[in-house]
Amino acid sequence: MLDRLYVELADGELRLVKLAEPHREALRAACAADADIWPIYSTSFDSGHFDAAFDALVGHASRMPYAIFAGDTLVGMTAWLRPDVSAQTVEIGNSYIHPAARGTGLNGRLKTLMIDHAFATGIRRIEFRIDERNKRSQAAVAKLGCTKEGVLRSERITWTGHVRDTGLWSLLAEEWAK
């Protein structure tokens, strides 16, 4: 299932390409466009932390990251996280979109592309784990039809030392099909 899940995806000029070393500098530039956002992320991709975060993302077995392209321009990243074949569950996360691409509908399109693909490959449950402070991401997944199941209290310590409460959101295949 995982080899079918982690493939390149496209919808017109929107492309999700497996994140790899050749994307490093373009992603660095995209992430530098919003230095103020990183404190609400678990891991910082700001200039002081970028290389270590990039290396960890592409080198971790439970993460399957993508570079997000709008036409020929790399505008962000997203990933499949915590895939569990036996439970037919995967998380979508580690998402960042360049400020110029926010509010354009791109995020909804790329999440729809990923969700459609995941359910088509046999995934039955998709999760989103979102910092309780991140209201923009919570609104985006609610708009997709996800259900907030609860809050994982003190679920992790972020790169800033903040003890994070994490909202657990989910979407089931039968809910998406309606």
Protein backbone atom coordinates (compact mmCIF):
# COMPACT_ATOMS: atom_id res chain seq x y z
CA MET A 1 0.00 0.00 0.00
CA LEU A 2 2.76 2.50 0.88
CA ASP A 3 4.40 2.20 -2.53
CA ARG A 4 1.03 3.10 -4.10
CA LEU A 5 0.44 5.92 -1.60
CA TYR A 6 3.75 7.73 -1.97
CA VAL A 7 3.70 8.62 -5.65
CA GLU A 8 3.86 11.93 -7.41
CA LEU A 9 0.45 13.58 -7.79
CA ALA A 10 -0.83 16.30 -10.11
CA ASP A 11 -3.92 18.37 -10.82
CA GLY A 12 -3.26 20.76 -13.68
CA GLU A 13 -0.38 23.06 -12.73
CA LEU A 14 -0.46 21.79 -9.13
CA ARG A 15 2.12 19.05 -8.62
CA LEU A 16 3.27 17.13 -5.58
CA VAL A 17 6.77 15.82 -6.22
CA LYS A 18 8.72 13.62 -3.81
CA LEU A 19 10.86 16.01 -1.78
CA ALA A 20 14.54 15.42 -2.41
CA GLU A 21 17.93 17.12 -2.26
CA PRO A 22 17.47 19.06 -5.54
CA HIS A 23 14.55 20.91 -3.86
CA ARG A 24 16.58 22.09 -0.85
CA GLU A 25 17.39 25.64 -1.98
CA ALA A 26 13.98 26.42 -3.49
CA LEU A 27 12.26 25.17 -0.32
CA ARG A 28 14.69 27.16 1.82
CA ALA A 29 13.67 30.31 -0.07
CA ALA A 30 9.96 29.51 0.23
CA CYS A 31 10.25 28.87 3.98
CA ALA A 32 12.21 32.09 4.49
CA ALA A 33 9.24 34.08 3.13
CA ASP A 34 7.39 33.77 6.45
CA ALA A 35 9.85 33.69 9.34
CA ASP A 36 7.09 34.58 11.83
CA ILE A 37 5.14 31.34 11.28
CA TRP A 38 7.67 28.85 12.62
CA PRO A 39 6.94 29.22 16.38
CA ILE A 40 3.59 27.40 15.90
CA TYR A 41 5.26 24.49 14.11
CA SER A 42 6.79 21.50 15.90
CA THR A 43 9.97 21.90 13.86
CA SER A 44 11.37 25.11 12.46
CA PHE A 45 12.36 25.49 8.84
CA ASP A 46 13.64 29.02 9.47
CA SER A 47 17.12 29.96 8.31
CA GLY A 48 18.83 28.84 11.51
CA HIS A 49 17.20 25.40 11.55
CA PHE A 50 16.45 24.71 7.89
CA ASP A 51 19.20 22.23 6.97
CA ALA A 52 18.72 20.00 10.03
CA ALA A 53 14.92 20.07 9.59
CA PHE A 54 15.17 19.29 5.86
CA ASP A 55 17.59 16.42 6.48
CA ALA A 56 15.34 14.96 9.19
CA LEU A 57 12.24 15.24 7.01
CA VAL A 58 13.70 13.51 3.96
CA GLY A 59 15.64 10.99 6.04
CA HIS A 60 12.92 9.72 8.36
CA ALA A 61 11.27 6.40 7.47
CA SER A 62 7.80 7.36 8.78
CA ARG A 63 7.67 10.56 6.70
CA MET A 64 6.94 10.70 3.01
CA PRO A 65 7.39 14.38 2.07
CA TYR A 66 6.43 16.28 -1.04
CA ALA A 67 7.54 19.53 -2.60
CA ILE A 68 4.47 21.48 -3.71
CA PHE A 69 4.74 23.08 -7.14
CA ALA A 70 2.44 25.63 -8.74
CA GLY A 71 3.60 25.51 -12.31
CA ASP A 72 7.39 25.60 -12.20
CA THR A 73 7.55 27.32 -8.80
CA LEU A 74 8.12 25.44 -5.56
CA VAL A 75 5.59 26.99 -3.15
CA GLY A 76 5.81 24.70 -0.13
CA MET A 77 5.84 21.24 1.31
CA THR A 78 3.51 18.63 2.76
CA ALA A 79 3.84 14.99 3.75
CA TRP A 80 2.28 11.67 4.52
CA LEU A 81 3.12 10.92 8.17
CA ARG A 82 2.72 7.92 10.47
CA PRO A 83 1.44 5.49 7.85
CA ASP A 84 -0.10 2.40 9.44
CA VAL A 85 -0.92 -0.21 6.81
CA SER A 86 -2.60 -2.59 9.25
CA ALA A 87 -4.94 0.17 10.47
CA GLN A 88 -5.29 1.69 6.97
CA THR A 89 -4.51 5.09 8.47
CA VAL A 90 -2.20 7.94 7.52
CA GLU A 91 -1.66 11.50 8.70
CA ILE A 92 -1.28 14.50 6.41
CA GLY A 93 1.01 17.08 7.90
CA ASN A 94 4.26 18.99 7.85
CA SER A 95 2.46 21.37 5.50
CA TYR A 96 3.73 24.84 4.71
CA ILE A 97 2.63 27.10 1.86
CA HIS A 98 4.41 30.28 0.74
CA PRO A 99 2.43 33.37 1.80
CA ALA A 100 1.86 34.40 -1.83
CA ALA A 101 0.01 31.11 -2.47
CA ARG A 102 -2.18 31.30 0.64
CA GLY A 103 -5.79 32.27 0.10
CA THR A 104 -5.69 31.18 -3.55
CA GLY A 105 -7.44 27.84 -3.07
CA LEU A 106 -4.17 25.96 -3.57
CA ASN A 107 -4.23 24.38 -0.10
CA GLY A 108 -7.76 23.04 -0.58
CA ARG A 109 -6.81 21.67 -3.98
CA LEU A 110 -3.68 19.94 -2.75
CA LYS A 111 -5.42 18.46 0.30
CA THR A 112 -8.28 17.23 -1.92
CA LEU A 113 -5.73 15.67 -4.28
CA MET A 114 -4.01 13.91 -1.37
CA ILE A 115 -7.26 12.79 0.27
CA ASP A 116 -8.74 11.43 -2.97
CA HIS A 117 -5.51 9.55 -3.64
CA ALA A 118 -5.20 8.13 -0.11
CA PHE A 119 -8.75 6.78 -0.10
CA ALA A 120 -8.28 5.36 -3.61
CA THR A 121 -5.25 3.36 -2.39
CA GLY A 122 -7.18 1.75 0.48
CA ILE A 123 -6.61 4.19 3.33
CA ARG A 124 -9.79 4.38 5.41
CA ARG A 125 -8.82 7.11 7.92
CA ILE A 126 -6.79 10.28 7.49
CA GLU A 127 -5.58 12.23 10.50
CA PHE A 128 -4.44 15.80 10.98
CA ARG A 129 -2.57 16.77 14.17
CA ILE A 130 -2.65 20.53 14.61
CA ASP A 131 -1.21 22.82 17.26
CA GLU A 132 -4.14 24.28 19.18
CA ARG A 133 -2.69 27.76 18.53
CA ASN A 134 -2.86 27.26 14.75
CA LYS A 135 -6.37 28.54 14.00
CA ARG A 136 -5.72 28.87 10.24
CA SER A 137 -4.94 25.16 9.85
CA GLN A 138 -7.86 24.16 12.05
CA ALA A 139 -10.24 26.20 9.89
CA ALA A 140 -8.78 24.65 6.73
CA VAL A 141 -9.34 21.04 7.85
CA ALA A 142 -12.81 21.87 9.17
CA LYS A 143 -13.63 23.26 5.71
CA LEU A 144 -12.59 19.89 4.23
CA GLY A 145 -15.17 18.17 6.44
CA CYS A 146 -12.79 16.79 9.07
CA THR A 147 -14.00 16.11 12.60
CA LYS A 148 -12.13 17.30 15.65
CA GLU A 149 -11.93 14.27 17.91
CA GLY A 150 -10.27 15.98 20.83
CA VAL A 151 -7.09 17.48 22.19
CA LEU A 152 -3.96 15.54 23.04
CA ARG A 153 -2.82 17.52 26.06
CA SER A 154 0.91 18.28 26.36
CA GLU A 155 1.41 15.98 23.39
CA ARG A 156 4.86 17.23 22.38
CA ILE A 157 7.55 19.76 23.05
CA THR A 158 8.23 21.96 20.05
CA TRP A 159 11.56 23.35 18.90
CA THR A 160 10.91 26.51 20.97
CA GLY A 161 10.40 24.50 24.17
CA HIS A 162 6.64 25.12 24.09
CA VAL A 163 4.65 22.21 25.50
CA ARG A 164 2.06 21.78 22.78
CA ASP A 165 -1.55 20.76 23.02
CA THR A 166 -2.42 19.06 19.74
CA GLY A 167 -5.88 18.92 18.20
CA LEU A 168 -6.59 15.53 16.63
CA TRP A 169 -8.76 15.79 13.52
CA SER A 170 -9.86 12.95 11.26
CA LEU A 171 -11.62 12.20 8.02
CA LEU A 172 -13.04 8.77 7.17
CA ALA A 173 -13.40 7.37 3.67
CA GLU A 174 -17.17 7.03 4.00
CA GLU A 175 -17.47 10.67 5.07
CA TRP A 176 -15.46 11.87 2.07
CA ALA A 177 -17.53 9.80 -0.36
CA LYS A 178 -20.77 11.61 0.56
